Amino acid sequence: MENLEDHYAGDAAWNAFAPLFRGQLADYASAEQLKQLLGGDEELADVVYGSVGDSALQWVIQPIPALSGLSPVQCLASDKTRNRLREMLLRMPR
């Protein structure tokens, strides 16, 4: 069975995409909590908040079908599943 990480567009694509969300957390009351849940990764927190909005804090702890039932937080456990999360975020409609 293929997972999203099998189709990861690559770090170059992520590095071009993520800066588009820089500063998204500035007005989010739960920004520090979100960053903490995401292992202190402010860039990822910016992208998550920019993609899902005010529900980001709850979203990161819920199982997501597109992530093969893992939560975004669980995807941080390995490079493979981190790439799964990144690819999903790259594909989300804006």
PDB file of N, CA and C in Angstrom:
ATOM      1  N   MET A   1       0.837  -1.193   0.000  1.00  0.00           N
ATOM      2  CA  MET A   1       0.000   0.000   0.000  1.00  0.00           C
ATOM      3  C   MET A   1       0.878   1.251   0.000  1.00  0.00           C
ATOM      4  N   GLU A   2       0.567   2.163  -0.891  1.00  0.00           N
ATOM      5  CA  GLU A   2       1.326   3.409  -0.963  1.00  0.00           C
ATOM      6  C   GLU A   2       0.775   4.421   0.024  1.00  0.00           C
ATOM      7  N   ASN A   3       1.675   5.213   0.562  1.00  0.00           N
ATOM      8  CA  ASN A   3       1.310   6.312   1.447  1.00  0.00           C
ATOM      9  C   ASN A   3       1.768   7.615   0.802  1.00  0.00           C
ATOM     10  N   LEU A   4       1.326   8.715   1.355  1.00  0.00           N
ATOM     11  CA  LEU A   4       1.675  10.020   0.789  1.00  0.00           C
ATOM     12  C   LEU A   4       3.180  10.244   0.706  1.00  0.00           C
ATOM     13  N   GLU A   5       3.937   9.700   1.661  1.00  0.00           N
ATOM     14  CA  GLU A   5       5.383   9.930   1.624  1.00  0.00           C
ATOM     15  C   GLU A   5       6.026   9.313   0.387  1.00  0.00           C
ATOM     16  N   ASP A   6       5.344   8.332  -0.219  1.00  0.00           N
ATOM     17  CA  ASP A   6       5.856   7.738  -1.454  1.00  0.00           C
ATOM     18  C   ASP A   6       5.771   8.724  -2.620  1.00  0.00           C
ATOM     19  N   HIS A   7       5.021   9.792  -2.432  1.00  0.00           N
ATOM     20  CA  HIS A   7       4.830  10.809  -3.467  1.00  0.00           C
ATOM     21  C   HIS A   7       5.320  12.187  -3.012  1.00  0.00           C
ATOM     22  N   TYR A   8       6.102  12.214  -1.942  1.00  0.00           N
ATOM     23  CA  TYR A   8       6.598  13.486  -1.395  1.00  0.00           C
ATOM     24  C   TYR A   8       7.315  14.280  -2.482  1.00  0.00           C
ATOM     25  N   ALA A   9       6.910  15.509  -2.661  1.00  0.00           N
ATOM     26  CA  ALA A   9       7.477  16.361  -3.708  1.00  0.00           C
ATOM     27  C   ALA A   9       8.923  16.744  -3.438  1.00  0.00           C
ATOM     28  N   GLY A  10       9.374  16.533  -2.212  1.00  0.00           N
ATOM     29  CA  GLY A  10      10.776  16.784  -1.884  1.00  0.00           C
ATOM     30  C   GLY A  10      10.979  18.028  -1.045  1.00  0.00           C
ATOM     31  N   ASP A  11      12.159  18.071  -0.436  1.00  0.00           N
ATOM     32  CA  ASP A  11      12.485  19.193   0.439  1.00  0.00           C
ATOM     33  C   ASP A  11      12.526  20.527  -0.309  1.00  0.00           C
ATOM     34  N   ALA A  12      12.942  20.508  -1.567  1.00  0.00           N
ATOM     35  CA  ALA A  12      12.984  21.763  -2.331  1.00  0.00           C
ATOM     36  C   ALA A  12      11.576  22.340  -2.481  1.00  0.00           C
ATOM     37  N   ALA A  13      10.606  21.472  -2.748  1.00  0.00           N
ATOM     38  CA  ALA A  13       9.216  21.932  -2.859  1.00  0.00           C
ATOM     39  C   ALA A  13       8.717  22.452  -1.520  1.00  0.00           C
ATOM     40  N   TRP A  14       9.015  21.713  -0.442  1.00  0.00           N
ATOM     41  CA  TRP A  14       8.606  22.157   0.889  1.00  0.00           C
ATOM     42  C   TRP A  14       9.261  23.494   1.232  1.00  0.00           C
ATOM     43  N   ASN A  15      10.552  23.629   0.941  1.00  0.00           N
ATOM     44  CA  ASN A  15      11.285  24.852   1.279  1.00  0.00           C
ATOM     45  C   ASN A  15      10.814  26.060   0.463  1.00  0.00           C
ATOM     46  N   ALA A  16      10.206  25.823  -0.681  1.00  0.00           N
ATOM     47  CA  ALA A  16       9.606  26.911  -1.463  1.00  0.00           C
ATOM     48  C   ALA A  16       8.202  27.234  -0.953  1.00  0.00           C
ATOM     49  N   PHE A  17       7.511  26.232  -0.432  1.00  0.00           N
ATOM     50  CA  PHE A  17       6.122  26.360   0.016  1.00  0.00           C
ATOM     51  C   PHE A  17       6.005  26.969   1.411  1.00  0.00           C
ATOM     52  N   ALA A  18       6.753  26.450   2.352  1.00  0.00           N
ATOM     53  CA  ALA A  18       6.611  26.838   3.762  1.00  0.00           C
ATOM     54  C   ALA A  18       6.764  28.346   4.007  1.00  0.00           C
ATOM     55  N   PRO A  19       7.698  29.036   3.354  1.00  0.00           N
ATOM     56  CA  PRO A  19       7.826  30.478   3.613  1.00  0.00           C
ATOM     57  C   PRO A  19       6.587  31.298   3.252  1.00  0.00           C
ATOM     58  N   LEU A  20       5.711  30.747   2.424  1.00  0.00           N
ATOM     59  CA  LEU A  20       4.473  31.449   2.082  1.00  0.00           C
ATOM     60  C   LEU A  20       3.584  31.661   3.308  1.00  0.00           C
ATOM     61  N   PHE A  21       3.837  30.870   4.364  1.00  0.00           N
ATOM     62  CA  PHE A  21       3.020  30.922   5.576  1.00  0.00           C
ATOM     63  C   PHE A  21       3.733  31.612   6.739  1.00  0.00           C
ATOM     64  N   ARG A  22       4.944  32.083   6.511  1.00  0.00           N
ATOM     65  CA  ARG A  22       5.733  32.700   7.577  1.00  0.00           C
ATOM     66  C   ARG A  22       4.944  33.816   8.258  1.00  0.00           C
ATOM     67  N   GLY A  23       4.931  33.785   9.581  1.00  0.00           N
ATOM     68  CA  GLY A  23       4.261  34.818  10.360  1.00  0.00           C
ATOM     69  C   GLY A  23       2.788  34.559  10.625  1.00  0.00           C
ATOM     70  N   GLN A  24       2.261  33.445  10.150  1.00  0.00           N
ATOM     71  CA  GLN A  24       0.840  33.144  10.325  1.00  0.00           C
ATOM     72  C   GLN A  24       0.427  33.079  11.791  1.00  0.00           C
ATOM     73  N   LEU A  25       1.354  32.684  12.653  1.00  0.00           N
ATOM     74  CA  LEU A  25       1.031  32.491  14.065  1.00  0.00           C
ATOM     75  C   LEU A  25       0.931  33.782  14.865  1.00  0.00           C
ATOM     76  N   ALA A  26       1.310  34.880  14.281  1.00  0.00           N
ATOM     77  CA  ALA A  26       1.420  36.139  15.021  1.00  0.00           C
ATOM     78  C   ALA A  26       0.180  36.496  15.837  1.00  0.00           C
ATOM     79  N   ASP A  27      -0.986  36.264  15.296  1.00  0.00           N
ATOM     80  CA  ASP A  27      -2.219  36.650  15.991  1.00  0.00           C
ATOM     81  C   ASP A  27      -2.997  35.462  16.562  1.00  0.00           C
ATOM     82  N   TYR A  28      -2.363  34.290  16.568  1.00  0.00           N
ATOM     83  CA  TYR A  28      -3.032  33.084  17.058  1.00  0.00           C
ATOM     84  C   TYR A  28      -2.766  32.927  18.551  1.00  0.00           C
ATOM     85  N   ALA A  29      -3.824  32.963  19.346  1.00  0.00           N
ATOM     86  CA  ALA A  29      -3.697  32.909  20.808  1.00  0.00           C
ATOM     87  C   ALA A  29      -3.021  31.628  21.300  1.00  0.00           C
ATOM     88  N   SER A  30      -3.162  30.549  20.572  1.00  0.00           N
ATOM     89  CA  SER A  30      -2.596  29.262  20.996  1.00  0.00           C
ATOM     90  C   SER A  30      -1.302  28.917  20.251  1.00  0.00           C
ATOM     91  N   ALA A  31      -0.619  29.923  19.743  1.00  0.00           N
ATOM     92  CA  ALA A  31       0.587  29.697  18.936  1.00  0.00           C
ATOM     93  C   ALA A  31       1.651  28.900  19.682  1.00  0.00           C
ATOM     94  N   GLU A  32       1.925  29.252  20.918  1.00  0.00           N
ATOM     95  CA  GLU A  32       2.971  28.547  21.667  1.00  0.00           C
ATOM     96  C   GLU A  32       2.601  27.092  21.909  1.00  0.00           C
ATOM     97  N   GLN A  33       1.350  26.839  22.210  1.00  0.00           N
ATOM     98  CA  GLN A  33       0.896  25.458  22.409  1.00  0.00           C
ATOM     99  C   GLN A  33       1.029  24.661  21.116  1.00  0.00           C
ATOM    100  N   LEU A  34       0.662  25.266  20.005  1.00  0.00           N
ATOM    101  CA  LEU A  34       0.763  24.591  18.720  1.00  0.00           C
ATOM    102  C   LEU A  34       2.221  24.264  18.405  1.00  0.00           C
ATOM    103  N   LYS A  35       3.098  25.241  18.587  1.00  0.00           N
ATOM    104  CA  LYS A  35       4.520  24.994  18.336  1.00  0.00           C
ATOM    105  C   LYS A  35       5.047  23.878  19.230  1.00  0.00           C
ATOM    106  N   GLN A  36       4.642  23.886  20.480  1.00  0.00           N
ATOM    107  CA  GLN A  36       5.090  22.854  21.410  1.00  0.00           C
ATOM    108  C   GLN A  36       4.623  21.471  20.948  1.00  0.00           C
ATOM    109  N   LEU A  37       3.370  21.350  20.567  1.00  0.00           N
ATOM    110  CA  LEU A  37       2.851  20.067  20.078  1.00  0.00           C
ATOM    111  C   LEU A  37       3.597  19.594  18.837  1.00  0.00           C
ATOM    112  N   LEU A  38       4.070  20.535  18.049  1.00  0.00           N
ATOM    113  CA  LEU A  38       4.786  20.214  16.817  1.00  0.00           C
ATOM    114  C   LEU A  38       6.296  20.202  17.032  1.00  0.00           C
ATOM    115  N   GLY A  39       6.709  19.920  18.248  1.00  0.00           N
ATOM    116  CA  GLY A  39       8.124  19.757  18.552  1.00  0.00           C
ATOM    117  C   GLY A  39       8.942  21.025  18.454  1.00  0.00           C
ATOM    118  N   GLY A  40       8.291  22.168  18.589  1.00  0.00           N
ATOM    119  CA  GLY A  40       8.990  23.447  18.519  1.00  0.00           C
ATOM    120  C   GLY A  40       9.235  23.939  17.100  1.00  0.00           C
ATOM    121  N   ASP A  41       8.687  23.260  16.122  1.00  0.00           N
ATOM    122  CA  ASP A  41       8.897  23.603  14.710  1.00  0.00           C
ATOM    123  C   ASP A  41       7.959  24.741  14.301  1.00  0.00           C
ATOM    124  N   GLU A  42       8.470  25.960  14.380  1.00  0.00           N
ATOM    125  CA  GLU A  42       7.646  27.137  14.075  1.00  0.00           C
ATOM    126  C   GLU A  42       7.226  27.167  12.613  1.00  0.00           C
ATOM    127  N   GLU A  43       8.103  26.746  11.726  1.00  0.00           N
ATOM    128  CA  GLU A  43       7.764  26.724  10.306  1.00  0.00           C
ATOM    129  C   GLU A  43       6.562  25.811  10.055  1.00  0.00           C
ATOM    130  N   LEU A  44       6.609  24.613  10.619  1.00  0.00           N
ATOM    131  CA  LEU A  44       5.497  23.679  10.458  1.00  0.00           C
ATOM    132  C   LEU A  44       4.232  24.234  11.108  1.00  0.00           C
ATOM    133  N   ALA A  45       4.369  24.847  12.268  1.00  0.00           N
ATOM    134  CA  ALA A  45       3.219  25.438  12.951  1.00  0.00           C
ATOM    135  C   ALA A  45       2.591  26.544  12.105  1.00  0.00           C
ATOM    136  N   ASP A  46       3.416  27.365  11.468  1.00  0.00           N
ATOM    137  CA  ASP A  46       2.898  28.407  10.574  1.00  0.00           C
ATOM    138  C   ASP A  46       2.085  27.791   9.434  1.00  0.00           C
ATOM    139  N   VAL A  47       2.616  26.725   8.832  1.00  0.00           N
ATOM    140  CA  VAL A  47       1.926  26.081   7.709  1.00  0.00           C
ATOM    141  C   VAL A  47       0.622  25.441   8.177  1.00  0.00           C
ATOM    142  N   VAL A  48       0.672  24.759   9.301  1.00  0.00           N
ATOM    143  CA  VAL A  48      -0.541  24.117   9.815  1.00  0.00           C
ATOM    144  C   VAL A  48      -1.605  25.165  10.116  1.00  0.00           C
ATOM    145  N   TYR A  49      -1.232  26.208  10.844  1.00  0.00           N
ATOM    146  CA  TYR A  49      -2.218  27.240  11.174  1.00  0.00           C
ATOM    147  C   TYR A  49      -2.741  27.929   9.906  1.00  0.00           C
ATOM    148  N   GLY A  50      -1.841  28.216   8.991  1.00  0.00           N
ATOM    149  CA  GLY A  50      -2.254  28.850   7.740  1.00  0.00           C
ATOM    150  C   GLY A  50      -3.163  27.965   6.900  1.00  0.00           C
ATOM    151  N   SER A  51      -3.062  26.658   7.085  1.00  0.00           N
ATOM    152  CA  SER A  51      -3.857  25.713   6.308  1.00  0.00           C
ATOM    153  C   SER A  51      -5.194  25.380   6.946  1.00  0.00           C
ATOM    154  N   VAL A  52      -5.227  25.258   8.280  1.00  0.00           N
ATOM    155  CA  VAL A  52      -6.468  24.823   8.927  1.00  0.00           C
ATOM    156  C   VAL A  52      -7.093  25.866   9.837  1.00  0.00           C
ATOM    157  N   GLY A  53      -6.394  26.954  10.101  1.00  0.00           N
ATOM    158  CA  GLY A  53      -6.979  28.050  10.873  1.00  0.00           C
ATOM    159  C   GLY A  53      -7.060  27.786  12.359  1.00  0.00           C
ATOM    160  N   ASP A  54      -8.068  28.382  12.977  1.00  0.00           N
ATOM    161  CA  ASP A  54      -8.194  28.367  14.431  1.00  0.00           C
ATOM    162  C   ASP A  54      -8.393  26.983  15.036  1.00  0.00           C
ATOM    163  N   SER A  55      -8.721  25.999  14.237  1.00  0.00           N
ATOM    164  CA  SER A  55      -8.882  24.633  14.751  1.00  0.00           C
ATOM    165  C   SER A  55      -7.561  23.864  14.765  1.00  0.00           C
ATOM    166  N   ALA A  56      -6.456  24.532  14.469  1.00  0.00           N
ATOM    167  CA  ALA A  56      -5.152  23.874  14.341  1.00  0.00           C
ATOM    168  C   ALA A  56      -4.752  23.082  15.576  1.00  0.00           C
ATOM    169  N   LEU A  57      -5.002  23.624  16.752  1.00  0.00           N
ATOM    170  CA  LEU A  57      -4.600  22.958  17.994  1.00  0.00           C
ATOM    171  C   LEU A  57      -5.292  21.604  18.139  1.00  0.00           C
ATOM    172  N   GLN A  58      -6.547  21.529  17.790  1.00  0.00           N
ATOM    173  CA  GLN A  58      -7.270  20.261  17.843  1.00  0.00           C
ATOM    174  C   GLN A  58      -6.917  19.365  16.658  1.00  0.00           C
ATOM    175  N   TRP A  59      -6.733  19.968  15.504  1.00  0.00           N
ATOM    176  CA  TRP A  59      -6.450  19.225  14.281  1.00  0.00           C
ATOM    177  C   TRP A  59      -5.176  18.399  14.403  1.00  0.00           C
ATOM    178  N   VAL A  60      -4.135  18.946  15.015  1.00  0.00           N
ATOM    179  CA  VAL A  60      -2.849  18.244  15.068  1.00  0.00           C
ATOM    180  C   VAL A  60      -2.867  17.003  15.942  1.00  0.00           C
ATOM    181  N   ILE A  61      -3.876  16.853  16.787  1.00  0.00           N
ATOM    182  CA  ILE A  61      -3.919  15.678  17.667  1.00  0.00           C
ATOM    183  C   ILE A  61      -4.956  14.649  17.233  1.00  0.00           C
ATOM    184  N   GLN A  62      -5.671  14.924  16.161  1.00  0.00           N
ATOM    185  CA  GLN A  62      -6.708  14.011  15.675  1.00  0.00           C
ATOM    186  C   GLN A  62      -6.161  13.089  14.586  1.00  0.00           C
ATOM    187  N   PRO A  63      -6.611  11.842  14.573  1.00  0.00           N
ATOM    188  CA  PRO A  63      -6.230  10.964  13.464  1.00  0.00           C
ATOM    189  C   PRO A  63      -6.801  11.512  12.151  1.00  0.00           C
ATOM    190  N   ILE A  64      -5.985  11.489  11.131  1.00  0.00           N
ATOM    191  CA  ILE A  64      -6.373  12.023   9.821  1.00  0.00           C
ATOM    192  C   ILE A  64      -6.328  10.879   8.805  1.00  0.00           C
ATOM    193  N   PRO A  65      -7.440  10.588   8.145  1.00  0.00           N
ATOM    194  CA  PRO A  65      -7.444   9.490   7.170  1.00  0.00           C
ATOM    195  C   PRO A  65      -6.338   9.607   6.110  1.00  0.00           C
ATOM    196  N   ALA A  66      -6.082  10.801   5.618  1.00  0.00           N
ATOM    197  CA  ALA A  66      -5.047  10.989   4.591  1.00  0.00           C
ATOM    198  C   ALA A  66      -3.647  10.678   5.110  1.00  0.00           C
ATOM    199  N   LEU A  67      -3.499  10.654   6.434  1.00  0.00           N
ATOM    200  CA  LEU A  67      -2.211  10.317   7.059  1.00  0.00           C
ATOM    201  C   LEU A  67      -2.209   8.865   7.523  1.00  0.00           C
ATOM    202  N   SER A  68      -3.022   8.050   6.901  1.00  0.00           N
ATOM    203  CA  SER A  68      -3.162   6.623   7.256  1.00  0.00           C
ATOM    204  C   SER A  68      -3.568   6.448   8.707  1.00  0.00           C
ATOM    205  N   GLY A  69      -4.414   7.364   9.179  1.00  0.00           N
ATOM    206  CA  GLY A  69      -4.944   7.270  10.532  1.00  0.00           C
ATOM    207  C   GLY A  69      -4.057   7.838  11.616  1.00  0.00           C
ATOM    208  N   LEU A  70      -2.900   8.360  11.271  1.00  0.00           N
ATOM    209  CA  LEU A  70      -2.040   9.017  12.260  1.00  0.00           C
ATOM    210  C   LEU A  70      -2.498  10.457  12.453  1.00  0.00           C
ATOM    211  N   SER A  71      -2.177  11.007  13.605  1.00  0.00           N
ATOM    212  CA  SER A  71      -2.388  12.440  13.807  1.00  0.00           C
ATOM    213  C   SER A  71      -1.150  13.162  13.276  1.00  0.00           C
ATOM    214  N   PRO A  72      -1.263  14.441  12.959  1.00  0.00           N
ATOM    215  CA  PRO A  72      -0.071  15.189  12.567  1.00  0.00           C
ATOM    216  C   PRO A  72       1.049  15.106  13.612  1.00  0.00           C
ATOM    217  N   VAL A  73       0.710  15.148  14.883  1.00  0.00           N
ATOM    218  CA  VAL A  73       1.733  15.035  15.933  1.00  0.00           C
ATOM    219  C   VAL A  73       2.440  13.685  15.840  1.00  0.00           C
ATOM    220  N   GLN A  74       1.699  12.618  15.608  1.00  0.00           N
ATOM    221  CA  GLN A  74       2.312  11.296  15.484  1.00  0.00           C
ATOM    222  C   GLN A  74       3.230  11.209  14.267  1.00  0.00           C
ATOM    223  N   CYS A  75       2.958  12.001  13.257  1.00  0.00           N
ATOM    224  CA  CYS A  75       3.788  11.995  12.047  1.00  0.00           C
ATOM    225  C   CYS A  75       5.190  12.545  12.298  1.00  0.00           C
ATOM    226  N   LEU A  76       5.395  13.206  13.405  1.00  0.00           N
ATOM    227  CA  LEU A  76       6.708  13.772  13.697  1.00  0.00           C
ATOM    228  C   LEU A  76       7.689  12.723  14.208  1.00  0.00           C
ATOM    229  N   ALA A  77       7.238  11.497  14.386  1.00  0.00           N
ATOM    230  CA  ALA A  77       8.058  10.434  14.970  1.00  0.00           C
ATOM    231  C   ALA A  77       9.192   9.957  14.057  1.00  0.00           C
ATOM    232  N   SER A  78       9.053  10.146  12.753  1.00  0.00           N
ATOM    233  CA  SER A  78      10.116   9.700  11.834  1.00  0.00           C
ATOM    234  C   SER A  78      10.143  10.613  10.615  1.00  0.00           C
ATOM    235  N   ASP A  79      11.254  10.564   9.888  1.00  0.00           N
ATOM    236  CA  ASP A  79      11.349  11.350   8.653  1.00  0.00           C
ATOM    237  C   ASP A  79      10.304  10.896   7.643  1.00  0.00           C
ATOM    238  N   LYS A  80      10.063   9.601   7.595  1.00  0.00           N
ATOM    239  CA  LYS A  80       9.088   9.035   6.654  1.00  0.00           C
ATOM    240  C   LYS A  80       7.697   9.627   6.889  1.00  0.00           C
ATOM    241  N   THR A  81       7.236   9.596   8.131  1.00  0.00           N
ATOM    242  CA  THR A  81       5.891  10.101   8.399  1.00  0.00           C
ATOM    243  C   THR A  81       5.853  11.625   8.416  1.00  0.00           C
ATOM    244  N   ARG A  82       6.963  12.278   8.738  1.00  0.00           N
ATOM    245  CA  ARG A  82       7.030  13.749   8.623  1.00  0.00           C
ATOM    246  C   ARG A  82       6.809  14.131   7.158  1.00  0.00           C
ATOM    247  N   ASN A  83       7.428  13.393   6.240  1.00  0.00           N
ATOM    248  CA  ASN A  83       7.236  13.666   4.814  1.00  0.00           C
ATOM    249  C   ASN A  83       5.796  13.388   4.390  1.00  0.00           C
ATOM    250  N   ARG A  84       5.151  12.425   5.036  1.00  0.00           N
ATOM    251  CA  ARG A  84       3.733  12.150   4.785  1.00  0.00           C
ATOM    252  C   ARG A  84       2.904  13.383   5.135  1.00  0.00           C
ATOM    253  N   LEU A  85       3.172  13.954   6.305  1.00  0.00           N
ATOM    254  CA  LEU A  85       2.470  15.162   6.742  1.00  0.00           C
ATOM    255  C   LEU A  85       2.756  16.329   5.810  1.00  0.00           C
ATOM    256  N   ARG A  86       4.023  16.509   5.461  1.00  0.00           N
ATOM    257  CA  ARG A  86       4.379  17.613   4.563  1.00  0.00           C
ATOM    258  C   ARG A  86       3.656  17.490   3.223  1.00  0.00           C
ATOM    259  N   GLU A  87       3.636  16.282   2.666  1.00  0.00           N
ATOM    260  CA  GLU A  87       2.971  16.090   1.371  1.00  0.00           C
ATOM    261  C   GLU A  87       1.485  16.388   1.479  1.00  0.00           C
ATOM    262  N   MET A  88       0.864  15.979   2.562  1.00  0.00           N
ATOM    263  CA  MET A  88      -0.556  16.281   2.734  1.00  0.00           C
ATOM    264  C   MET A  88      -0.776  17.793   2.773  1.00  0.00           C
ATOM    265  N   LEU A  89       0.068  18.500   3.528  1.00  0.00           N
ATOM    266  CA  LEU A  89      -0.054  19.954   3.619  1.00  0.00           C
ATOM    267  C   LEU A  89       0.193  20.618   2.261  1.00  0.00           C
ATOM    268  N   LEU A  90       1.149  20.096   1.499  1.00  0.00           N
ATOM    269  CA  LEU A  90       1.405  20.629   0.153  1.00  0.00           C
ATOM    270  C   LEU A  90       0.181  20.476  -0.754  1.00  0.00           C
ATOM    271  N   ARG A  91      -0.601  19.422  -0.541  1.00  0.00           N
ATOM    272  CA  ARG A  91      -1.757  19.129  -1.383  1.00  0.00           C
ATOM    273  C   ARG A  91      -3.061  19.773  -0.929  1.00  0.00           C
ATOM    274  N   MET A  92      -3.089  20.307   0.279  1.00  0.00           N
ATOM    275  CA  MET A  92      -4.348  20.876   0.795  1.00  0.00           C
ATOM    276  C   MET A  92      -4.761  22.105  -0.005  1.00  0.00           C
ATOM    277  N   PRO A  93      -6.044  22.201  -0.304  1.00  0.00           N
ATOM    278  CA  PRO A  93      -6.518  23.391  -1.021  1.00  0.00           C
ATOM    279  C   PRO A  93      -6.371  24.644  -0.167  1.00  0.00           C
ATOM    280  N   ARG A  94      -6.152  25.737  -0.790  1.00  0.00           N
ATOM    281  CA  ARG A  94      -5.988  27.025  -0.107  1.00  0.00           C
ATOM    282  C   ARG A  94      -7.221  27.861  -0.324  1.00  0.00           C
TER     283      ARG A  94
END
